Protein backbone atom coordinates (compact mmCIF):
# COMPACT_ATOMS: atom_id res chain seq x y z
CA MET A 1 -0.11 0.19 0.27
CA LYS A 2 1.57 3.32 -1.18
CA ALA A 3 0.10 6.72 -0.40
CA ASN A 4 1.55 9.78 -1.82
CA LEU A 5 0.35 13.43 -2.33
CA ASN A 6 2.54 15.88 -4.22
CA ILE A 7 2.18 19.53 -5.05
CA LEU A 8 2.13 19.55 -8.48
CA ILE A 9 1.71 23.42 -8.88
CA GLY A 10 4.03 25.69 -7.40
CA GLY A 11 3.14 28.69 -9.24
CA LEU A 12 -0.79 28.61 -8.49
CA VAL A 13 -0.95 30.76 -5.31
CA ILE A 14 -3.16 33.70 -5.06
CA GLY A 15 -0.40 36.07 -3.38
CA LEU A 16 -2.25 36.35 -0.21
CA ALA A 17 -4.77 39.22 -0.46
CA ALA A 18 -3.02 40.80 -2.93
CA CYS A 19 -4.05 39.05 -5.85
CA SER A 20 -7.65 38.60 -7.36
CA THR A 21 -9.92 35.35 -8.20
CA GLU A 22 -9.30 36.28 -12.03
CA GLY A 23 -5.29 36.08 -11.67
CA VAL A 24 -5.89 32.77 -9.97
CA LYS A 25 -8.30 31.60 -12.95
CA ASP A 26 -5.54 32.30 -15.38
CA ASP A 27 -2.88 30.38 -13.74
CA ALA A 28 -4.67 27.43 -13.00
CA ALA A 29 -5.73 27.04 -16.57
CA THR A 30 -2.00 27.26 -17.82
CA ALA A 31 -0.61 25.07 -14.90
CA LYS A 32 -2.93 22.27 -14.78
CA PRO A 33 -5.49 21.65 -17.33
CA VAL A 34 -7.56 18.57 -16.83
CA ASP A 35 -7.32 16.23 -19.76
CA ASN A 36 -10.62 14.12 -21.15
CA ILE A 37 -9.11 10.44 -20.34
CA SER A 38 -11.23 7.73 -21.89
CA PRO A 39 -11.40 4.56 -20.04
CA SER A 40 -8.96 1.87 -21.11
CA ALA A 41 -9.67 -1.91 -21.30
CA ASN A 42 -6.68 -2.52 -18.80
CA GLY A 43 -8.81 -1.53 -15.73
CA PRO A 44 -8.32 2.42 -15.14
CA LEU A 45 -11.35 4.50 -15.35
CA ALA A 46 -11.70 8.22 -15.83
CA MET A 47 -14.33 10.99 -16.15
CA PRO A 48 -13.90 13.88 -19.00
CA GLY A 49 -12.01 16.94 -17.66
CA GLN A 50 -13.32 20.09 -15.84
CA GLU A 51 -11.91 23.29 -14.50
CA PRO A 52 -11.77 23.00 -10.45
CA ARG A 53 -13.57 25.57 -8.83
CA MET A 54 -11.55 28.94 -7.93
CA THR A 55 -13.52 29.84 -4.77
CA ILE A 56 -15.52 27.90 -2.08
CA THR A 57 -17.59 28.98 0.70
CA LYS A 58 -17.00 28.10 4.42
CA ASN A 59 -18.45 29.26 7.51
CA GLY A 60 -19.50 32.40 5.73
CA LYS A 61 -16.16 33.12 4.28
CA THR A 62 -14.61 32.78 0.67
CA LEU A 63 -11.78 30.76 0.25
CA ASN A 64 -9.32 31.04 -2.79
CA LEU A 65 -8.00 27.75 -4.28
CA VAL A 66 -4.06 27.89 -3.56
CA ARG A 67 -2.72 24.86 -4.40
CA ILE A 68 -3.69 21.79 -6.66
CA MET A 69 -1.95 18.54 -5.25
CA ASP A 70 -2.01 14.91 -6.87
CA GLY A 71 -2.23 12.07 -5.10
CA ALA A 72 -1.45 7.99 -5.95
CA VAL A 73 -2.79 5.15 -3.79
CA CYS A 74 -2.93 1.45 -4.33
CA LYS A 75 -4.98 -0.59 -1.81
CA ASN A 76 -3.90 -3.64 -2.91
CA ASP A 77 -1.95 -5.40 -5.98
CA LEU A 78 -5.10 -4.94 -8.19
CA GLU A 79 -6.72 -1.83 -7.02
CA GLY A 80 -5.98 1.61 -6.35
CA ALA A 81 -6.68 5.30 -7.75
CA LYS A 82 -4.77 8.51 -8.35
CA GLY A 83 -6.36 12.06 -8.67
CA SER A 84 -6.13 15.47 -7.89
CA PHE A 85 -7.04 17.67 -4.68
CA LEU A 86 -7.81 20.95 -4.19
CA LEU A 87 -6.51 23.39 -1.49
CA TYR A 88 -8.08 26.40 -0.59
CA ALA A 89 -7.11 29.28 2.33
CA TYR A 90 -8.81 32.30 3.49
CA PRO A 91 -6.74 35.15 2.09
CA ALA A 92 -7.51 37.41 5.01
CA ASP A 93 -5.96 34.63 7.59
CA ILE A 94 -2.83 34.18 5.28
CA ALA A 95 -2.24 38.14 5.13
CA ARG A 96 -2.90 38.43 8.95
CA ILE A 97 -0.27 34.99 9.57
CA LYS A 98 2.06 36.77 7.23
CA ARG A 99 2.48 39.85 8.82
CA ASP A 100 2.23 38.65 12.79
CA LYS A 101 4.86 35.43 12.00
CA GLY A 102 6.41 35.92 8.47
CA ALA A 103 6.02 34.25 5.15
CA LYS A 104 8.41 31.43 6.20
CA ILE A 105 5.59 29.88 8.62
CA PHE A 106 3.81 28.63 5.58
CA SER A 107 6.43 26.21 4.30
CA GLU A 108 5.59 24.55 7.95
CA PHE A 109 2.17 24.65 7.10
CA GLU A 110 2.49 23.15 3.47
CA GLY A 111 4.31 20.38 5.33
CA LYS A 112 1.20 19.92 7.39
CA ILE A 113 -1.00 19.75 5.02
CA GLN A 114 0.69 17.37 3.10
CA SER A 115 1.24 14.89 5.79
CA PHE A 116 -2.53 14.55 7.02
CA SER A 117 -3.66 14.76 3.32
CA GLU A 118 -1.66 11.56 2.59
CA HIS A 119 -3.00 9.66 5.45
CA VAL A 120 -6.40 10.96 4.51
CA LEU A 121 -6.31 9.89 0.97
CA GLN A 122 -5.13 6.37 2.33
CA GLU A 123 -8.06 6.06 4.58
CA ALA A 124 -10.35 6.93 1.81
CA ILE A 125 -9.26 4.79 -0.61
CA ASP A 126 -9.52 1.74 2.06
CA LYS A 127 -13.14 2.32 2.57
CA THR A 128 -14.19 2.92 -1.11
CA ASN A 129 -15.00 -0.11 -2.74
CA LEU A 130 -12.84 -0.33 -6.12
CA SER A 131 -14.48 -3.87 -7.29
CA LYS A 132 -16.17 -3.85 -10.80
CA ASP A 133 -19.92 -2.71 -9.95
CA PRO A 134 -22.19 -5.54 -11.74
CA PHE A 135 -25.24 -3.34 -11.90
CA ALA A 136 -23.28 -0.16 -13.82
CA LEU A 137 -24.74 0.33 -17.10
CA GLY A 138 -21.47 1.39 -18.54
CA ASP A 139 -17.78 2.77 -17.94
CA ASP A 140 -19.08 5.99 -17.29
CA GLU A 141 -21.86 5.33 -14.61
CA ALA A 142 -19.05 2.95 -12.89
CA GLN A 143 -16.86 5.93 -12.95
CA GLN A 144 -19.22 8.31 -11.67
CA LYS A 145 -20.37 5.93 -8.63
CA LEU A 146 -16.79 5.24 -7.85
CA ALA A 147 -15.66 8.84 -7.78
CA GLN A 148 -18.76 9.94 -5.66
CA GLN A 149 -17.72 7.21 -3.23
CA LEU A 150 -14.48 8.41 -2.70
CA ASP A 151 -15.25 11.93 -2.42
CA GLU A 152 -17.81 10.95 0.23
CA ASN A 153 -15.26 9.05 2.00
CA PHE A 154 -12.24 11.73 1.30
CA ARG A 155 -14.55 14.48 2.79
CA ASN A 156 -15.77 12.81 5.75
CA THR A 157 -12.14 11.67 6.37
CA VAL A 158 -10.19 15.13 6.08
CA ALA A 159 -12.85 16.86 8.32
CA LYS A 160 -11.09 16.19 11.56
CA ALA A 161 -7.64 16.94 10.34
CA ILE A 162 -8.50 20.12 9.04
CA ASN A 163 -10.54 21.17 12.44
CA ALA A 164 -7.28 20.30 14.11
CA PHE A 165 -5.02 21.89 11.58
CA GLU A 166 -7.29 25.23 11.86
CA LYS A 167 -7.35 25.15 16.04
CA GLU A 168 -3.28 24.92 15.70
CA THR A 169 -2.68 27.42 13.17
CA THR A 170 -5.87 29.73 13.15
CA LEU A 171 -5.24 29.36 9.16
CA THR A 172 -9.12 28.60 7.35
CA ILE A 173 -8.38 26.05 4.97
CA ASP A 174 -10.40 23.18 2.97
CA VAL A 175 -9.14 20.03 1.17
CA ALA A 176 -11.24 18.64 -1.79
CA ALA A 177 -10.86 15.97 -4.13
CA PHE A 178 -11.41 16.73 -7.73
CA PRO A 179 -13.73 13.65 -8.63
CA SER A 180 -13.37 14.35 -12.45
CA SER A 181 -10.03 14.12 -12.17
CA PHE A 182 -9.77 10.30 -10.83
CA VAL A 183 -8.39 7.65 -12.35
CA PHE A 184 -9.29 3.97 -10.97
CA TYR A 185 -7.43 0.93 -11.25
CA GLN A 186 -9.22 -2.58 -10.95
CA LYS A 187 -6.75 -4.92 -12.67
CA GLY A 188 -3.32 -3.85 -11.48
CA CYS A 189 -2.32 -0.82 -9.63
CA GLU A 190 1.37 -0.27 -8.81
CA ALA A 191 2.77 -1.99 -11.94
CA THR A 192 0.11 0.75 -13.92
CA LEU A 193 0.84 4.18 -11.66
CA PRO A 194 3.71 6.11 -12.93
CA GLU A 195 7.00 6.13 -11.15
CA SER A 196 6.62 9.57 -10.48
CA ASP A 197 3.35 8.98 -8.51
CA LEU A 198 4.80 7.05 -6.25
CA THR A 199 7.74 9.01 -5.23
CA ASP A 200 8.45 10.53 -1.84
CA MET A 201 6.68 13.76 -0.82
CA SER A 202 9.83 15.62 0.09
CA GLY A 203 10.57 15.81 -3.98
CA ALA A 204 7.58 17.66 -4.64
CA GLU A 205 7.63 21.09 -5.85
CA ALA A 206 6.59 23.97 -3.61
CA GLY A 207 5.60 27.47 -3.86
CA SER A 208 5.72 30.10 -1.44
CA TYR A 209 2.43 31.74 -0.11
């Protein structure tokens, strides 16, 4: 079993309170296009590409997309998944923390987020039934069911880790799975996943807040 969550886009940063949502949207479109991948006969299934949401609302606050992370997990020798995960943060909190504690503190925060996201991804995959659904009408429906199941398991599992992080750091964040990026493996996992997806997270590219 391997779970790795690599920061894929160091440049996708909102520049704290200084940058607009429109600026982030341009960066996201350039740095991380989501390809339209068709199902393969060898096992992986993938949904058509969609753009991630640039902002979300949490507890009355508007959080901006600040990172897109790639994750890959093997549940066993046959089954696994890979996909993207979205990190959102509240710009006013970032500006306050940067002013009070300096920008270097965000490197520490980044490491904490990577760490708990990796564990959450593994737990979410372990809870997801990746076996072929005999009742699915086709690959598209099978993919949607798996994506919805993994998304729900990830959201339910990550909530506790996010709450603990927010209490410790006073930075309001959210980490969400990006269902349309998911690729699922049912006939071989580790041999199918690219080597780069299974590298240690310490080698991931990281941007500055």
